[in-house]
Amino acid sequence: MLRLGPHIRLTQVEIDYLTHITGFEPGPIRRLDDLHRYINKCKRHYWGTSRATRELHRLIDDAYLGCLEGHQLAAV
């Protein structure tokens, strides 16, 4: 994720990874609030308490934290 003040831009690797694990393309994300809204939308879509759902939510959370901390996400 590239950051300049309050503005952000996801790299193509991050967009591809998030799309791969969530099934939804992030679209235009310009601020951290946009990214947070996208993450919440994906987690609401995949709701439940099954082991698979919990694991998917963990993957989504890990990707979100990876973006915030500047970690390299896996290329898909």
PDB file of N, CA and C in Angstrom:
ATOM      1  N   MET A   1       0.854  -1.161   0.000  1.00  0.00           N
ATOM      2  CA  MET A   1       0.000   0.000   0.000  1.00  0.00           C
ATOM      3  C   MET A   1       0.900   1.224   0.000  1.00  0.00           C
ATOM      4  N   LEU A   2       0.580   2.134  -0.874  1.00  0.00           N
ATOM      5  CA  LEU A   2       1.289   3.405  -0.936  1.00  0.00           C
ATOM      6  C   LEU A   2       0.481   4.420  -0.148  1.00  0.00           C
ATOM      7  N   ARG A   3       1.172   5.231   0.635  1.00  0.00           N
ATOM      8  CA  ARG A   3       0.479   6.182   1.504  1.00  0.00           C
ATOM      9  C   ARG A   3       1.096   7.558   1.364  1.00  0.00           C
ATOM     10  N   LEU A   4       0.252   8.573   1.229  1.00  0.00           N
ATOM     11  CA  LEU A   4       0.689   9.962   1.200  1.00  0.00           C
ATOM     12  C   LEU A   4      -0.312  10.757   2.026  1.00  0.00           C
ATOM     13  N   GLY A   5       0.057  11.053   3.246  1.00  0.00           N
ATOM     14  CA  GLY A   5      -0.863  11.734   4.153  1.00  0.00           C
ATOM     15  C   GLY A   5      -2.082  10.853   4.397  1.00  0.00           C
ATOM     16  N   PRO A   6      -3.281  11.406   4.236  1.00  0.00           N
ATOM     17  CA  PRO A   6      -4.488  10.611   4.471  1.00  0.00           C
ATOM     18  C   PRO A   6      -4.882   9.739   3.279  1.00  0.00           C
ATOM     19  N   HIS A   7      -4.167   9.893   2.166  1.00  0.00           N
ATOM     20  CA  HIS A   7      -4.508   9.166   0.945  1.00  0.00           C
ATOM     21  C   HIS A   7      -3.697   7.877   0.845  1.00  0.00           C
ATOM     22  N   ILE A   8      -4.345   6.835   0.317  1.00  0.00           N
ATOM     23  CA  ILE A   8      -3.658   5.560   0.113  1.00  0.00           C
ATOM     24  C   ILE A   8      -3.935   5.050  -1.292  1.00  0.00           C
ATOM     25  N   ARG A   9      -3.114   4.117  -1.704  1.00  0.00           N
ATOM     26  CA  ARG A   9      -3.336   3.433  -2.973  1.00  0.00           C
ATOM     27  C   ARG A   9      -2.822   2.007  -2.810  1.00  0.00           C
ATOM     28  N   LEU A  10      -3.669   1.061  -3.129  1.00  0.00           N
ATOM     29  CA  LEU A  10      -3.265  -0.336  -3.058  1.00  0.00           C
ATOM     30  C   LEU A  10      -2.415  -0.688  -4.271  1.00  0.00           C
ATOM     31  N   THR A  11      -1.414  -1.527  -4.049  1.00  0.00           N
ATOM     32  CA  THR A  11      -0.612  -2.004  -5.173  1.00  0.00           C
ATOM     33  C   THR A  11      -1.407  -3.069  -5.915  1.00  0.00           C
ATOM     34  N   GLN A  12      -0.975  -3.392  -7.116  1.00  0.00           N
ATOM     35  CA  GLN A  12      -1.679  -4.403  -7.900  1.00  0.00           C
ATOM     36  C   GLN A  12      -1.623  -5.765  -7.224  1.00  0.00           C
ATOM     37  N   VAL A  13      -0.522  -6.078  -6.560  1.00  0.00           N
ATOM     38  CA  VAL A  13      -0.409  -7.352  -5.833  1.00  0.00           C
ATOM     39  C   VAL A  13      -1.438  -7.401  -4.711  1.00  0.00           C
ATOM     40  N   GLU A  14      -1.613  -6.304  -3.990  1.00  0.00           N
ATOM     41  CA  GLU A  14      -2.605  -6.263  -2.906  1.00  0.00           C
ATOM     42  C   GLU A  14      -4.028  -6.385  -3.448  1.00  0.00           C
ATOM     43  N   ILE A  15      -4.301  -5.707  -4.546  1.00  0.00           N
ATOM     44  CA  ILE A  15      -5.625  -5.797  -5.165  1.00  0.00           C
ATOM     45  C   ILE A  15      -5.903  -7.233  -5.597  1.00  0.00           C
ATOM     46  N   ASP A  16      -4.939  -7.852  -6.246  1.00  0.00           N
ATOM     47  CA  ASP A  16      -5.106  -9.241  -6.703  1.00  0.00           C
ATOM     48  C   ASP A  16      -5.303 -10.192  -5.529  1.00  0.00           C
ATOM     49  N   TYR A  17      -4.531 -10.017  -4.469  1.00  0.00           N
ATOM     50  CA  TYR A  17      -4.632 -10.899  -3.306  1.00  0.00           C
ATOM     51  C   TYR A  17      -5.985 -10.739  -2.615  1.00  0.00           C
ATOM     52  N   LEU A  18      -6.403  -9.500  -2.387  1.00  0.00           N
ATOM     53  CA  LEU A  18      -7.696  -9.265  -1.743  1.00  0.00           C
ATOM     54  C   LEU A  18      -8.841  -9.805  -2.599  1.00  0.00           C
ATOM     55  N   THR A  19      -8.763  -9.625  -3.894  1.00  0.00           N
ATOM     56  CA  THR A  19      -9.785 -10.150  -4.797  1.00  0.00           C
ATOM     57  C   THR A  19      -9.811 -11.677  -4.748  1.00  0.00           C
ATOM     58  N   HIS A  20      -8.644 -12.284  -4.694  1.00  0.00           N
ATOM     59  CA  HIS A  20      -8.544 -13.747  -4.658  1.00  0.00           C
ATOM     60  C   HIS A  20      -9.171 -14.330  -3.392  1.00  0.00           C
ATOM     61  N   ILE A  21      -8.887 -13.740  -2.229  1.00  0.00           N
ATOM     62  CA  ILE A  21      -9.397 -14.339  -0.989  1.00  0.00           C
ATOM     63  C   ILE A  21     -10.837 -13.951  -0.688  1.00  0.00           C
ATOM     64  N   THR A  22     -11.298 -12.791  -1.182  1.00  0.00           N
ATOM     65  CA  THR A  22     -12.661 -12.358  -0.858  1.00  0.00           C
ATOM     66  C   THR A  22     -13.661 -12.602  -1.977  1.00  0.00           C
ATOM     67  N   GLY A  23     -13.181 -12.650  -3.212  1.00  0.00           N
ATOM     68  CA  GLY A  23     -14.096 -12.784  -4.339  1.00  0.00           C
ATOM     69  C   GLY A  23     -14.658 -11.454  -4.809  1.00  0.00           C
ATOM     70  N   PHE A  24     -14.237 -10.359  -4.172  1.00  0.00           N
ATOM     71  CA  PHE A  24     -14.695  -9.018  -4.531  1.00  0.00           C
ATOM     72  C   PHE A  24     -13.494  -8.141  -4.837  1.00  0.00           C
ATOM     73  N   GLU A  25     -13.557  -7.428  -5.959  1.00  0.00           N
ATOM     74  CA  GLU A  25     -12.492  -6.486  -6.267  1.00  0.00           C
ATOM     75  C   GLU A  25     -12.645  -5.257  -5.368  1.00  0.00           C
ATOM     76  N   PRO A  26     -11.545  -4.759  -4.804  1.00  0.00           N
ATOM     77  CA  PRO A  26     -11.644  -3.626  -3.882  1.00  0.00           C
ATOM     78  C   PRO A  26     -12.221  -2.357  -4.509  1.00  0.00           C
ATOM     79  N   GLY A  27     -12.019  -2.154  -5.788  1.00  0.00           N
ATOM     80  CA  GLY A  27     -12.519  -0.937  -6.416  1.00  0.00           C
ATOM     81  C   GLY A  27     -11.684   0.265  -6.024  1.00  0.00           C
ATOM     82  N   PRO A  28     -12.260   1.459  -6.142  1.00  0.00           N
ATOM     83  CA  PRO A  28     -11.480   2.667  -5.844  1.00  0.00           C
ATOM     84  C   PRO A  28     -11.331   2.882  -4.332  1.00  0.00           C
ATOM     85  N   ILE A  29     -10.168   2.589  -3.824  1.00  0.00           N
ATOM     86  CA  ILE A  29      -9.881   2.815  -2.405  1.00  0.00           C
ATOM     87  C   ILE A  29      -8.877   3.957  -2.342  1.00  0.00           C
ATOM     88  N   ARG A  30      -9.301   5.054  -1.755  1.00  0.00           N
ATOM     89  CA  ARG A  30      -8.474   6.258  -1.706  1.00  0.00           C
ATOM     90  C   ARG A  30      -8.025   6.623  -0.296  1.00  0.00           C
ATOM     91  N   ARG A  31      -8.751   6.140   0.714  1.00  0.00           N
ATOM     92  CA  ARG A  31      -8.440   6.459   2.114  1.00  0.00           C
ATOM     93  C   ARG A  31      -8.546   5.198   2.949  1.00  0.00           C
ATOM     94  N   LEU A  32      -7.989   5.251   4.158  1.00  0.00           N
ATOM     95  CA  LEU A  32      -8.070   4.104   5.056  1.00  0.00           C
ATOM     96  C   LEU A  32      -9.514   3.747   5.376  1.00  0.00           C
ATOM     97  N   ASP A  33     -10.394   4.742   5.457  1.00  0.00           N
ATOM     98  CA  ASP A  33     -11.814   4.475   5.705  1.00  0.00           C
ATOM     99  C   ASP A  33     -12.418   3.619   4.582  1.00  0.00           C
ATOM    100  N   ASP A  34     -12.015   3.879   3.346  1.00  0.00           N
ATOM    101  CA  ASP A  34     -12.496   3.083   2.211  1.00  0.00           C
ATOM    102  C   ASP A  34     -12.046   1.630   2.341  1.00  0.00           C
ATOM    103  N   LEU A  35     -10.786   1.433   2.741  1.00  0.00           N
ATOM    104  CA  LEU A  35     -10.269   0.082   2.909  1.00  0.00           C
ATOM    105  C   LEU A  35     -10.990  -0.629   4.044  1.00  0.00           C
ATOM    106  N   HIS A  36     -11.200   0.067   5.140  1.00  0.00           N
ATOM    107  CA  HIS A  36     -11.912  -0.512   6.283  1.00  0.00           C
ATOM    108  C   HIS A  36     -13.350  -0.882   5.901  1.00  0.00           C
ATOM    109  N   ARG A  37     -14.010  -0.032   5.136  1.00  0.00           N
ATOM    110  CA  ARG A  37     -15.374  -0.291   4.671  1.00  0.00           C
ATOM    111  C   ARG A  37     -15.416  -1.531   3.768  1.00  0.00           C
ATOM    112  N   TYR A  38     -14.433  -1.659   2.888  1.00  0.00           N
ATOM    113  CA  TYR A  38     -14.340  -2.823   1.997  1.00  0.00           C
ATOM    114  C   TYR A  38     -14.161  -4.108   2.814  1.00  0.00           C
ATOM    115  N   ILE A  39     -13.280  -4.077   3.802  1.00  0.00           N
ATOM    116  CA  ILE A  39     -13.032  -5.248   4.647  1.00  0.00           C
ATOM    117  C   ILE A  39     -14.309  -5.640   5.384  1.00  0.00           C
ATOM    118  N   ASN A  40     -14.999  -4.675   5.954  1.00  0.00           N
ATOM    119  CA  ASN A  40     -16.247  -4.968   6.672  1.00  0.00           C
ATOM    120  C   ASN A  40     -17.319  -5.519   5.741  1.00  0.00           C
ATOM    121  N   LYS A  41     -17.395  -5.003   4.529  1.00  0.00           N
ATOM    122  CA  LYS A  41     -18.369  -5.495   3.550  1.00  0.00           C
ATOM    123  C   LYS A  41     -18.108  -6.968   3.235  1.00  0.00           C
ATOM    124  N   CYS A  42     -16.849  -7.315   3.032  1.00  0.00           N
ATOM    125  CA  CYS A  42     -16.498  -8.705   2.728  1.00  0.00           C
ATOM    126  C   CYS A  42     -16.822  -9.621   3.897  1.00  0.00           C
ATOM    127  N   LYS A  43     -16.520  -9.179   5.106  1.00  0.00           N
ATOM    128  CA  LYS A  43     -16.779 -10.019   6.274  1.00  0.00           C
ATOM    129  C   LYS A  43     -18.274 -10.161   6.543  1.00  0.00           C
ATOM    130  N   ARG A  44     -19.051  -9.127   6.240  1.00  0.00           N
ATOM    131  CA  ARG A  44     -20.512  -9.235   6.380  1.00  0.00           C
ATOM    132  C   ARG A  44     -21.090 -10.199   5.353  1.00  0.00           C
ATOM    133  N   HIS A  45     -20.518 -10.192   4.148  1.00  0.00           N
ATOM    134  CA  HIS A  45     -21.000 -11.096   3.102  1.00  0.00           C
ATOM    135  C   HIS A  45     -20.770 -12.554   3.502  1.00  0.00           C
ATOM    136  N   TYR A  46     -19.616 -12.820   4.068  1.00  0.00           N
ATOM    137  CA  TYR A  46     -19.264 -14.176   4.518  1.00  0.00           C
ATOM    138  C   TYR A  46     -19.441 -14.243   6.030  1.00  0.00           C
ATOM    139  N   TRP A  47     -20.667 -14.317   6.482  1.00  0.00           N
ATOM    140  CA  TRP A  47     -20.930 -14.337   7.908  1.00  0.00           C
ATOM    141  C   TRP A  47     -21.169 -15.764   8.368  1.00  0.00           C
ATOM    142  N   GLY A  48     -21.077 -15.973   9.646  1.00  0.00           N
ATOM    143  CA  GLY A  48     -21.330 -17.291  10.209  1.00  0.00           C
ATOM    144  C   GLY A  48     -20.294 -17.638  11.256  1.00  0.00           C
ATOM    145  N   THR A  49     -20.438 -18.833  11.806  1.00  0.00           N
ATOM    146  CA  THR A  49     -19.537 -19.264  12.866  1.00  0.00           C
ATOM    147  C   THR A  49     -18.802 -20.559  12.515  1.00  0.00           C
ATOM    148  N   SER A  50     -18.936 -21.015  11.280  1.00  0.00           N
ATOM    149  CA  SER A  50     -18.267 -22.256  10.898  1.00  0.00           C
ATOM    150  C   SER A  50     -16.750 -22.057  10.909  1.00  0.00           C
ATOM    151  N   ARG A  51     -16.035 -23.148  10.939  1.00  0.00           N
ATOM    152  CA  ARG A  51     -14.572 -23.085  10.933  1.00  0.00           C
ATOM    153  C   ARG A  51     -14.069 -22.412   9.655  1.00  0.00           C
ATOM    154  N   ALA A  52     -14.692 -22.732   8.521  1.00  0.00           N
ATOM    155  CA  ALA A  52     -14.282 -22.143   7.241  1.00  0.00           C
ATOM    156  C   ALA A  52     -14.482 -20.628   7.245  1.00  0.00           C
ATOM    157  N   THR A  53     -15.595 -20.179   7.803  1.00  0.00           N
ATOM    158  CA  THR A  53     -15.862 -18.739   7.864  1.00  0.00           C
ATOM    159  C   THR A  53     -14.865 -18.046   8.777  1.00  0.00           C
ATOM    160  N   ARG A  54     -14.594 -18.638   9.928  1.00  0.00           N
ATOM    161  CA  ARG A  54     -13.604 -18.052  10.842  1.00  0.00           C
ATOM    162  C   ARG A  54     -12.229 -17.970  10.189  1.00  0.00           C
ATOM    163  N   GLU A  55     -11.866 -18.995   9.435  1.00  0.00           N
ATOM    164  CA  GLU A  55     -10.575 -18.999   8.747  1.00  0.00           C
ATOM    165  C   GLU A  55     -10.531 -17.926   7.658  1.00  0.00           C
ATOM    166  N   LEU A  56     -11.623 -17.777   6.911  1.00  0.00           N
ATOM    167  CA  LEU A  56     -11.687 -16.738   5.893  1.00  0.00           C
ATOM    168  C   LEU A  56     -11.577 -15.354   6.528  1.00  0.00           C
ATOM    169  N   HIS A  57     -12.272 -15.127   7.628  1.00  0.00           N
ATOM    170  CA  HIS A  57     -12.186 -13.838   8.322  1.00  0.00           C
ATOM    171  C   HIS A  57     -10.759 -13.583   8.806  1.00  0.00           C
ATOM    172  N   ARG A  58     -10.077 -14.643   9.252  1.00  0.00           N
ATOM    173  CA  ARG A  58      -8.690 -14.482   9.691  1.00  0.00           C
ATOM    174  C   ARG A  58      -7.805 -14.094   8.505  1.00  0.00           C
ATOM    175  N   LEU A  59      -8.020 -14.733   7.346  1.00  0.00           N
ATOM    176  CA  LEU A  59      -7.249 -14.378   6.150  1.00  0.00           C
ATOM    177  C   LEU A  59      -7.497 -12.926   5.737  1.00  0.00           C
ATOM    178  N   ILE A  60      -8.750 -12.508   5.807  1.00  0.00           N
ATOM    179  CA  ILE A  60      -9.092 -11.121   5.469  1.00  0.00           C
ATOM    180  C   ILE A  60      -8.425 -10.163   6.446  1.00  0.00           C
ATOM    181  N   ASP A  61      -8.495 -10.469   7.746  1.00  0.00           N
ATOM    182  CA  ASP A  61      -7.854  -9.624   8.756  1.00  0.00           C
ATOM    183  C   ASP A  61      -6.346  -9.568   8.567  1.00  0.00           C
ATOM    184  N   ASP A  62      -5.733 -10.710   8.257  1.00  0.00           N
ATOM    185  CA  ASP A  62      -4.286 -10.739   8.029  1.00  0.00           C
ATOM    186  C   ASP A  62      -3.904  -9.889   6.823  1.00  0.00           C
ATOM    187  N   ALA A  63      -4.688  -9.953   5.757  1.00  0.00           N
ATOM    188  CA  ALA A  63      -4.420  -9.140   4.572  1.00  0.00           C
ATOM    189  C   ALA A  63      -4.572  -7.656   4.893  1.00  0.00           C
ATOM    190  N   TYR A  64      -5.595  -7.319   5.659  1.00  0.00           N
ATOM    191  CA  TYR A  64      -5.819  -5.923   6.065  1.00  0.00           C
ATOM    192  C   TYR A  64      -4.635  -5.410   6.883  1.00  0.00           C
ATOM    193  N   LEU A  65      -4.217  -6.182   7.875  1.00  0.00           N
ATOM    194  CA  LEU A  65      -3.074  -5.777   8.690  1.00  0.00           C
ATOM    195  C   LEU A  65      -1.802  -5.722   7.862  1.00  0.00           C
ATOM    196  N   GLY A  66      -1.647  -6.649   6.931  1.00  0.00           N
ATOM    197  CA  GLY A  66      -0.487  -6.620   6.049  1.00  0.00           C
ATOM    198  C   GLY A  66      -0.423  -5.343   5.230  1.00  0.00           C
ATOM    199  N   CYS A  67      -1.571  -4.894   4.762  1.00  0.00           N
ATOM    200  CA  CYS A  67      -1.617  -3.628   4.017  1.00  0.00           C
ATOM    201  C   CYS A  67      -1.232  -2.460   4.925  1.00  0.00           C
ATOM    202  N   LEU A  68      -1.786  -2.439   6.120  1.00  0.00           N
ATOM    203  CA  LEU A  68      -1.519  -1.335   7.046  1.00  0.00           C
ATOM    204  C   LEU A  68      -0.057  -1.294   7.485  1.00  0.00           C
ATOM    205  N   GLU A  69       0.529  -2.462   7.694  1.00  0.00           N
ATOM    206  CA  GLU A  69       1.903  -2.524   8.190  1.00  0.00           C
ATOM    207  C   GLU A  69       2.937  -2.524   7.076  1.00  0.00           C
ATOM    208  N   GLY A  70       2.485  -2.593   5.835  1.00  0.00           N
ATOM    209  CA  GLY A  70       3.398  -2.548   4.703  1.00  0.00           C
ATOM    210  C   GLY A  70       4.092  -3.859   4.406  1.00  0.00           C
ATOM    211  N   HIS A  71       3.502  -4.965   4.839  1.00  0.00           N
ATOM    212  CA  HIS A  71       4.085  -6.285   4.561  1.00  0.00           C
ATOM    213  C   HIS A  71       3.770  -6.699   3.131  1.00  0.00           C
ATOM    214  N   GLN A  72       4.650  -7.479   2.562  1.00  0.00           N
ATOM    215  CA  GLN A  72       4.441  -7.995   1.211  1.00  0.00           C
ATOM    216  C   GLN A  72       3.398  -9.109   1.264  1.00  0.00           C
ATOM    217  N   LEU A  73       2.303  -8.959   0.535  1.00  0.00           N
ATOM    218  CA  LEU A  73       1.294 -10.003   0.457  1.00  0.00           C
ATOM    219  C   LEU A  73       1.706 -10.999  -0.615  1.00  0.00           C
ATOM    220  N   ALA A  74       1.227 -12.217  -0.476  1.00  0.00           N
ATOM    221  CA  ALA A  74       1.564 -13.272  -1.430  1.00  0.00           C
ATOM    222  C   ALA A  74       0.999 -12.938  -2.808  1.00  0.00           C
ATOM    223  N   ALA A  75       1.796 -13.145  -3.816  1.00  0.00           N
ATOM    224  CA  ALA A  75       1.308 -12.960  -5.182  1.00  0.00           C
ATOM    225  C   ALA A  75       0.417 -14.129  -5.554  1.00  0.00           C
ATOM    226  N   VAL A  76      -0.679 -13.835  -6.219  1.00  0.00           N
ATOM    227  CA  VAL A  76      -1.648 -14.885  -6.570  1.00  0.00           C
ATOM    228  C   VAL A  76      -1.366 -15.386  -7.958  1.00  0.00           C
TER     229      VAL A  76
END
